[in-house]
Every structure is written in structure tokens, then in C-alpha cells.
Amino acid sequence: MSKYNYKEIASRFVYQDGSLIRRCNIGNQKKGSIAGYLTKKGYRVVKINQASCLEHIVIWVLLKKRLPTGEIDHINRIKHDNRIENLRDVSKSVNSINRAASDIDSVDILETNKGQF
């Protein structure tokens, strides 16, 4: 069984404004609290049956009731912005283009500010 199982996800979480809200108490995590944590790479992760799951994929499965056919891309390139309107199912090549554009934007900002500090 996939760790991104719709029934399992729907039994544990409710989607609200880009976040997953717990439906029930699990250990010290209380019903109604925001699930998950932010990784060093900037993605939000939630635990499902001891497995770490990327929150943007969990949200996709919860709202679309299916796994993505490709990769989930953050349209605005903000890795923890998991609002459904910011997520899209794209091929690996399209996601790579968006990721590369993000890297170029970062370089432009560094070059623009060079020597100003």
C-alpha cells in the first residue's frame, strides 16, 4: 500500500488554507492542530503511520483523490506554500524548468546586491 493512501489521509487530516489539520489526537498531537514540520530544504512534511510524507503530495491526494501522474510543482516556487491553487501536476522536465528559473532568480538577486553591504 502506498504511503499516500487517500482513505488513510482523509481519516487523519482536513485541508485548510494550504495546511493539514488533524482530525483526531495522535500521541501528544491534538485534534485541530496543524500537522507537520518544515524540513531544512524548505518542504513541509507530515507523518502517516511512521512514514514521512511530503505535505504537498498529501494535500494533492486529499483534494484530488488520486496520486499525481507526474511531480507536484509549486507554481510560485515557495516550497512550503501548499495552497492547492499553488500546486500543479507536471512532468519532471516542466518541474525542472521551474526549479531552474528559481535558481536564476536567486543569482540575479545576489548579483544586483553585490558590494552593497
C-alpha atoms as a PDB file:
ATOM      1  CA  MET A   1       0.000   0.000   0.000  1.00  0.00           C
ATOM      2  CA  SER A   2       1.270   3.480  -0.879  1.00  0.00           C
ATOM      3  CA  LYS A   3       2.045   5.814   1.990  1.00  0.00           C
ATOM      4  CA  TYR A   4      -0.121   8.308   0.074  1.00  0.00           C
ATOM      5  CA  ASN A   5      -3.351   6.348   0.535  1.00  0.00           C
ATOM      6  CA  TYR A   6      -6.464   8.526   0.154  1.00  0.00           C
ATOM      7  CA  LYS A   7      -8.554   6.762   2.817  1.00  0.00           C
ATOM      8  CA  GLU A   8      -5.737   6.912   5.354  1.00  0.00           C
ATOM      9  CA  ILE A   9      -5.084  10.589   4.607  1.00  0.00           C
ATOM     10  CA  ALA A  10      -8.780  11.537   4.710  1.00  0.00           C
ATOM     11  CA  SER A  11      -9.214   9.766   8.071  1.00  0.00           C
ATOM     12  CA  ARG A  12      -6.370  11.804   9.602  1.00  0.00           C
ATOM     13  CA  PHE A  13      -6.456  15.281   8.042  1.00  0.00           C
ATOM     14  CA  VAL A  14      -8.647  18.123   6.856  1.00  0.00           C
ATOM     15  CA  TYR A  15      -7.281  20.682   4.374  1.00  0.00           C
ATOM     16  CA  GLN A  16      -7.429  24.362   5.364  1.00  0.00           C
ATOM     17  CA  ASP A  17      -5.682  27.232   3.557  1.00  0.00           C
ATOM     18  CA  GLY A  18      -2.608  25.242   2.496  1.00  0.00           C
ATOM     19  CA  SER A  19      -2.253  23.312   5.747  1.00  0.00           C
ATOM     20  CA  LEU A  20      -3.332  19.947   7.051  1.00  0.00           C
ATOM     21  CA  ILE A  21      -5.363  19.994  10.247  1.00  0.00           C
ATOM     22  CA  ARG A  22      -5.530  16.886  12.445  1.00  0.00           C
ATOM     23  CA  ARG A  23      -8.931  15.189  12.693  1.00  0.00           C
ATOM     24  CA  CYS A  24      -8.011  13.326  15.898  1.00  0.00           C
ATOM     25  CA  ASN A  25      -5.494  13.149  18.719  1.00  0.00           C
ATOM     26  CA  ILE A  26      -2.376  11.098  17.922  1.00  0.00           C
ATOM     27  CA  GLY A  27       0.100  10.868  20.801  1.00  0.00           C
ATOM     28  CA  ASN A  28       0.789  14.398  22.015  1.00  0.00           C
ATOM     29  CA  GLN A  29      -0.567  15.896  18.740  1.00  0.00           C
ATOM     30  CA  LYS A  30      -4.019  17.325  19.377  1.00  0.00           C
ATOM     31  CA  LYS A  31      -7.121  17.296  17.209  1.00  0.00           C
ATOM     32  CA  GLY A  32      -7.452  20.638  15.390  1.00  0.00           C
ATOM     33  CA  SER A  33      -3.728  21.391  15.409  1.00  0.00           C
ATOM     34  CA  ILE A  34      -1.677  21.979  12.261  1.00  0.00           C
ATOM     35  CA  ALA A  35       0.149  18.818  11.260  1.00  0.00           C
ATOM     36  CA  GLY A  36       3.731  18.578  10.110  1.00  0.00           C
ATOM     37  CA  TYR A  37       7.053  20.323  10.280  1.00  0.00           C
ATOM     38  CA  LEU A  38       9.375  22.258   7.978  1.00  0.00           C
ATOM     39  CA  THR A  39      12.499  20.484   6.674  1.00  0.00           C
ATOM     40  CA  LYS A  40      15.899  22.106   6.136  1.00  0.00           C
ATOM     41  CA  LYS A  41      15.154  22.025   2.397  1.00  0.00           C
ATOM     42  CA  GLY A  42      12.034  24.132   2.917  1.00  0.00           C
ATOM     43  CA  TYR A  43       9.322  21.491   2.392  1.00  0.00           C
ATOM     44  CA  ARG A  44       6.598  20.666   4.906  1.00  0.00           C
ATOM     45  CA  VAL A  45       6.352  17.019   5.961  1.00  0.00           C
ATOM     46  CA  VAL A  46       3.680  15.086   7.868  1.00  0.00           C
ATOM     47  CA  LYS A  47       3.898  11.627   9.435  1.00  0.00           C
ATOM     48  CA  ILE A  48       1.463   8.908   8.400  1.00  0.00           C
ATOM     49  CA  ASN A  49       1.943   5.533  10.114  1.00  0.00           C
ATOM     50  CA  GLN A  50       5.564   6.407  10.970  1.00  0.00           C
ATOM     51  CA  ALA A  51       6.333   7.361   7.341  1.00  0.00           C
ATOM     52  CA  SER A  52       7.447  10.882   6.435  1.00  0.00           C
ATOM     53  CA  CYS A  53       5.233  12.220   3.656  1.00  0.00           C
ATOM     54  CA  LEU A  54       5.613  15.449   1.712  1.00  0.00           C
ATOM     55  CA  GLU A  55       2.678  17.650   2.659  1.00  0.00           C
ATOM     56  CA  HIS A  56       2.094  18.972  -0.870  1.00  0.00           C
ATOM     57  CA  ILE A  57       1.572  15.420  -2.152  1.00  0.00           C
ATOM     58  CA  VAL A  58      -0.700  14.568   0.785  1.00  0.00           C
ATOM     59  CA  ILE A  59      -2.785  17.676   0.047  1.00  0.00           C
ATOM     60  CA  TRP A  60      -2.962  16.764  -3.649  1.00  0.00           C
ATOM     61  CA  VAL A  61      -4.175  13.241  -2.841  1.00  0.00           C
ATOM     62  CA  LEU A  62      -6.665  14.505  -0.247  1.00  0.00           C
ATOM     63  CA  LEU A  63      -8.263  17.048  -2.580  1.00  0.00           C
ATOM     64  CA  LYS A  64      -7.923  15.292  -5.950  1.00  0.00           C
ATOM     65  CA  LYS A  65      -8.493  11.767  -4.564  1.00  0.00           C
ATOM     66  CA  ARG A  66      -5.645  10.405  -6.669  1.00  0.00           C
ATOM     67  CA  LEU A  67      -1.880  10.337  -6.853  1.00  0.00           C
ATOM     68  CA  PRO A  68      -0.273  12.838  -9.218  1.00  0.00           C
ATOM     69  CA  THR A  69       0.671  11.439 -12.626  1.00  0.00           C
ATOM     70  CA  GLY A  70       3.950  13.408 -12.572  1.00  0.00           C
ATOM     71  CA  GLU A  71       5.529  15.641  -9.948  1.00  0.00           C
ATOM     72  CA  ILE A  72       3.820  18.300  -7.859  1.00  0.00           C
ATOM     73  CA  ASP A  73       5.191  21.736  -8.727  1.00  0.00           C
ATOM     74  CA  HIS A  74       4.881  24.803  -6.512  1.00  0.00           C
ATOM     75  CA  ILE A  75       3.867  27.444  -9.065  1.00  0.00           C
ATOM     76  CA  ASN A  76       5.245  30.374  -7.039  1.00  0.00           C
ATOM     77  CA  ARG A  77       8.399  28.346  -6.195  1.00  0.00           C
ATOM     78  CA  ILE A  78       7.816  28.648  -2.442  1.00  0.00           C
ATOM     79  CA  LYS A  79       8.320  25.084  -1.238  1.00  0.00           C
ATOM     80  CA  HIS A  80       6.162  25.373   1.884  1.00  0.00           C
ATOM     81  CA  ASP A  81       3.242  27.193   0.165  1.00  0.00           C
ATOM     82  CA  ASN A  82       0.916  24.221  -0.166  1.00  0.00           C
ATOM     83  CA  ARG A  83      -2.292  26.017  -1.074  1.00  0.00           C
ATOM     84  CA  ILE A  84      -3.995  23.878  -3.719  1.00  0.00           C
ATOM     85  CA  GLU A  85      -4.096  26.805  -6.163  1.00  0.00           C
ATOM     86  CA  ASN A  86      -0.283  26.918  -5.956  1.00  0.00           C
ATOM     87  CA  LEU A  87       0.155  23.220  -6.776  1.00  0.00           C
ATOM     88  CA  ARG A  88       0.098  21.598 -10.194  1.00  0.00           C
ATOM     89  CA  ASP A  89       0.777  18.124 -11.536  1.00  0.00           C
ATOM     90  CA  VAL A  90       3.568  18.416 -14.116  1.00  0.00           C
ATOM     91  CA  SER A  91       6.176  16.304 -15.851  1.00  0.00           C
ATOM     92  CA  LYS A  92       9.667  16.089 -14.392  1.00  0.00           C
ATOM     93  CA  SER A  93      11.019  18.286 -17.205  1.00  0.00           C
ATOM     94  CA  VAL A  94       8.482  21.086 -16.535  1.00  0.00           C
ATOM     95  CA  ASN A  95       9.237  20.931 -12.816  1.00  0.00           C
ATOM     96  CA  SER A  96      12.978  21.137 -13.572  1.00  0.00           C
ATOM     97  CA  ILE A  97      12.425  24.250 -15.698  1.00  0.00           C
ATOM     98  CA  ASN A  98      10.526  25.932 -12.862  1.00  0.00           C
ATOM     99  CA  ARG A  99      13.246  24.908 -10.383  1.00  0.00           C
ATOM    100  CA  ALA A 100      15.971  26.257 -12.709  1.00  0.00           C
ATOM    101  CA  ALA A 101      14.093  29.556 -13.069  1.00  0.00           C
ATOM    102  CA  SER A 102      14.061  29.825  -9.270  1.00  0.00           C
ATOM    103  CA  ASP A 103      17.847  29.339  -9.183  1.00  0.00           C
ATOM    104  CA  ILE A 104      18.316  32.064 -11.823  1.00  0.00           C
ATOM    105  CA  ASP A 105      16.168  34.487  -9.810  1.00  0.00           C
ATOM    106  CA  SER A 106      18.376  33.854  -6.751  1.00  0.00           C
ATOM    107  CA  VAL A 107      21.553  34.545  -8.736  1.00  0.00           C
ATOM    108  CA  ASP A 108      20.067  37.776 -10.140  1.00  0.00           C
ATOM    109  CA  ILE A 109      19.262  38.993  -6.631  1.00  0.00           C
ATOM    110  CA  LEU A 110      22.790  38.188  -5.399  1.00  0.00           C
ATOM    111  CA  GLU A 111      24.400  39.905  -8.385  1.00  0.00           C
ATOM    112  CA  THR A 112      22.186  43.002  -8.007  1.00  0.00           C
ATOM    113  CA  ASN A 113      23.081  43.390  -4.329  1.00  0.00           C
ATOM    114  CA  LYS A 114      26.782  42.587  -4.737  1.00  0.00           C
ATOM    115  CA  GLY A 115      29.021  45.036  -2.965  1.00  0.00           C
ATOM    116  CA  GLN A 116      26.184  46.955  -1.282  1.00  0.00           C
ATOM    117  CA  PHE A 117      26.832  45.607   2.223  1.00  0.00           C
END
